[in-house]
Amino acid sequence: MKNVTTKDEIPIPEPTLVSVKQMAKASPALSESFIRKLLFNRHKNGLFDSGAIIRVGHRVFLDQGLFMKWIVDRSKGLVHD
């Protein structure tokens, strides 16, 4: 993973962007339909606020690291609907 530097030269890891299909393939426990349901309800479930969703035109990508962090935080009870 490459690092991007800010004006103060603090390294920030580049996000790993994946499609819904790629995310489902990388994490077999998460089906495409389940991920799409999470995306559909992104404003209600906090996924939008997590920063894990990247839109480029009509395409939707997920920052793999932030998405998985969001999933884990929810499973630990750190986030409530």
Protein backbone atom coordinates (compact mmCIF):
# COMPACT_ATOMS: atom_id res chain seq x y z
CA MET A 1 0.00 0.00 0.00
CA LYS A 2 1.38 3.39 -0.98
CA ASN A 3 1.41 6.31 1.38
CA VAL A 4 0.31 9.82 0.44
CA THR A 5 1.94 12.72 2.27
CA THR A 6 0.29 15.90 3.40
CA LYS A 7 1.89 19.33 3.38
CA ASP A 8 3.40 18.49 6.79
CA GLU A 9 4.82 15.21 5.37
CA ILE A 10 2.68 12.96 7.54
CA PRO A 11 2.17 9.68 5.64
CA ILE A 12 -1.47 8.78 5.08
CA PRO A 13 -2.24 5.33 3.64
CA GLU A 14 -4.00 5.36 0.27
CA PRO A 15 -7.43 3.76 0.39
CA THR A 16 -7.95 0.42 -1.32
CA LEU A 17 -11.06 0.97 -3.43
CA VAL A 18 -13.14 -2.02 -4.44
CA SER A 19 -16.49 -2.55 -6.13
CA VAL A 20 -19.39 -4.23 -4.36
CA LYS A 21 -18.68 -7.41 -6.33
CA GLN A 22 -14.99 -7.34 -5.38
CA MET A 23 -15.84 -6.76 -1.71
CA ALA A 24 -18.21 -9.73 -1.70
CA LYS A 25 -15.56 -11.90 -3.33
CA ALA A 26 -12.89 -10.79 -0.82
CA SER A 27 -15.23 -11.37 2.15
CA PRO A 28 -17.37 -14.44 1.42
CA ALA A 29 -19.44 -13.92 4.57
CA LEU A 30 -20.79 -10.72 2.99
CA SER A 31 -22.96 -11.36 -0.06
CA GLU A 32 -23.40 -8.78 -2.81
CA SER A 33 -27.07 -8.38 -1.93
CA PHE A 34 -26.24 -7.80 1.74
CA ILE A 35 -23.64 -5.14 0.87
CA ARG A 36 -26.11 -3.46 -1.52
CA LYS A 37 -28.72 -3.42 1.26
CA LEU A 38 -26.20 -1.74 3.56
CA LEU A 39 -25.45 0.82 0.82
CA PHE A 40 -29.15 1.47 0.23
CA ASN A 41 -29.60 2.26 3.94
CA ARG A 42 -26.26 4.10 4.27
CA HIS A 43 -27.80 7.28 5.72
CA LYS A 44 -29.75 5.35 8.37
CA ASN A 45 -27.06 2.86 9.40
CA GLY A 46 -24.09 5.24 9.59
CA LEU A 47 -22.17 3.76 6.67
CA PHE A 48 -22.26 7.10 4.83
CA ASP A 49 -20.70 8.90 7.79
CA SER A 50 -17.93 6.29 8.07
CA GLY A 51 -16.24 7.58 4.92
CA ALA A 52 -16.15 4.09 3.42
CA ILE A 53 -18.25 5.02 0.37
CA ILE A 54 -16.53 6.69 -2.58
CA ARG A 55 -18.64 7.84 -5.53
CA VAL A 56 -17.10 8.54 -8.92
CA GLY A 57 -19.87 9.60 -11.25
CA HIS A 58 -22.47 6.84 -11.07
CA ARG A 59 -19.99 4.25 -9.83
CA VAL A 60 -19.87 3.36 -6.14
CA PHE A 61 -16.68 2.07 -4.58
CA LEU A 62 -15.90 1.01 -1.05
CA ASP A 63 -12.75 1.81 0.88
CA GLN A 64 -12.05 -1.76 1.94
CA GLY A 65 -10.33 -0.86 5.21
CA LEU A 66 -12.92 1.66 6.37
CA PHE A 67 -15.80 -0.62 5.37
CA MET A 68 -14.40 -3.55 7.35
CA LYS A 69 -13.68 -1.25 10.31
CA TRP A 70 -17.32 -0.09 10.17
CA ILE A 71 -18.50 -3.74 10.14
CA VAL A 72 -16.27 -4.65 13.11
CA ASP A 73 -17.27 -1.54 15.11
CA ARG A 74 -20.94 -2.46 14.65
CA SER A 75 -20.29 -6.03 15.74
CA LYS A 76 -18.57 -4.78 18.90
CA GLY A 77 -21.54 -2.60 19.76
CA LEU A 78 -19.60 0.65 19.24
CA VAL A 79 -22.25 1.92 16.81
CA HIS A 80 -26.02 1.81 17.28
CA ASP A 81 -28.79 2.39 14.73
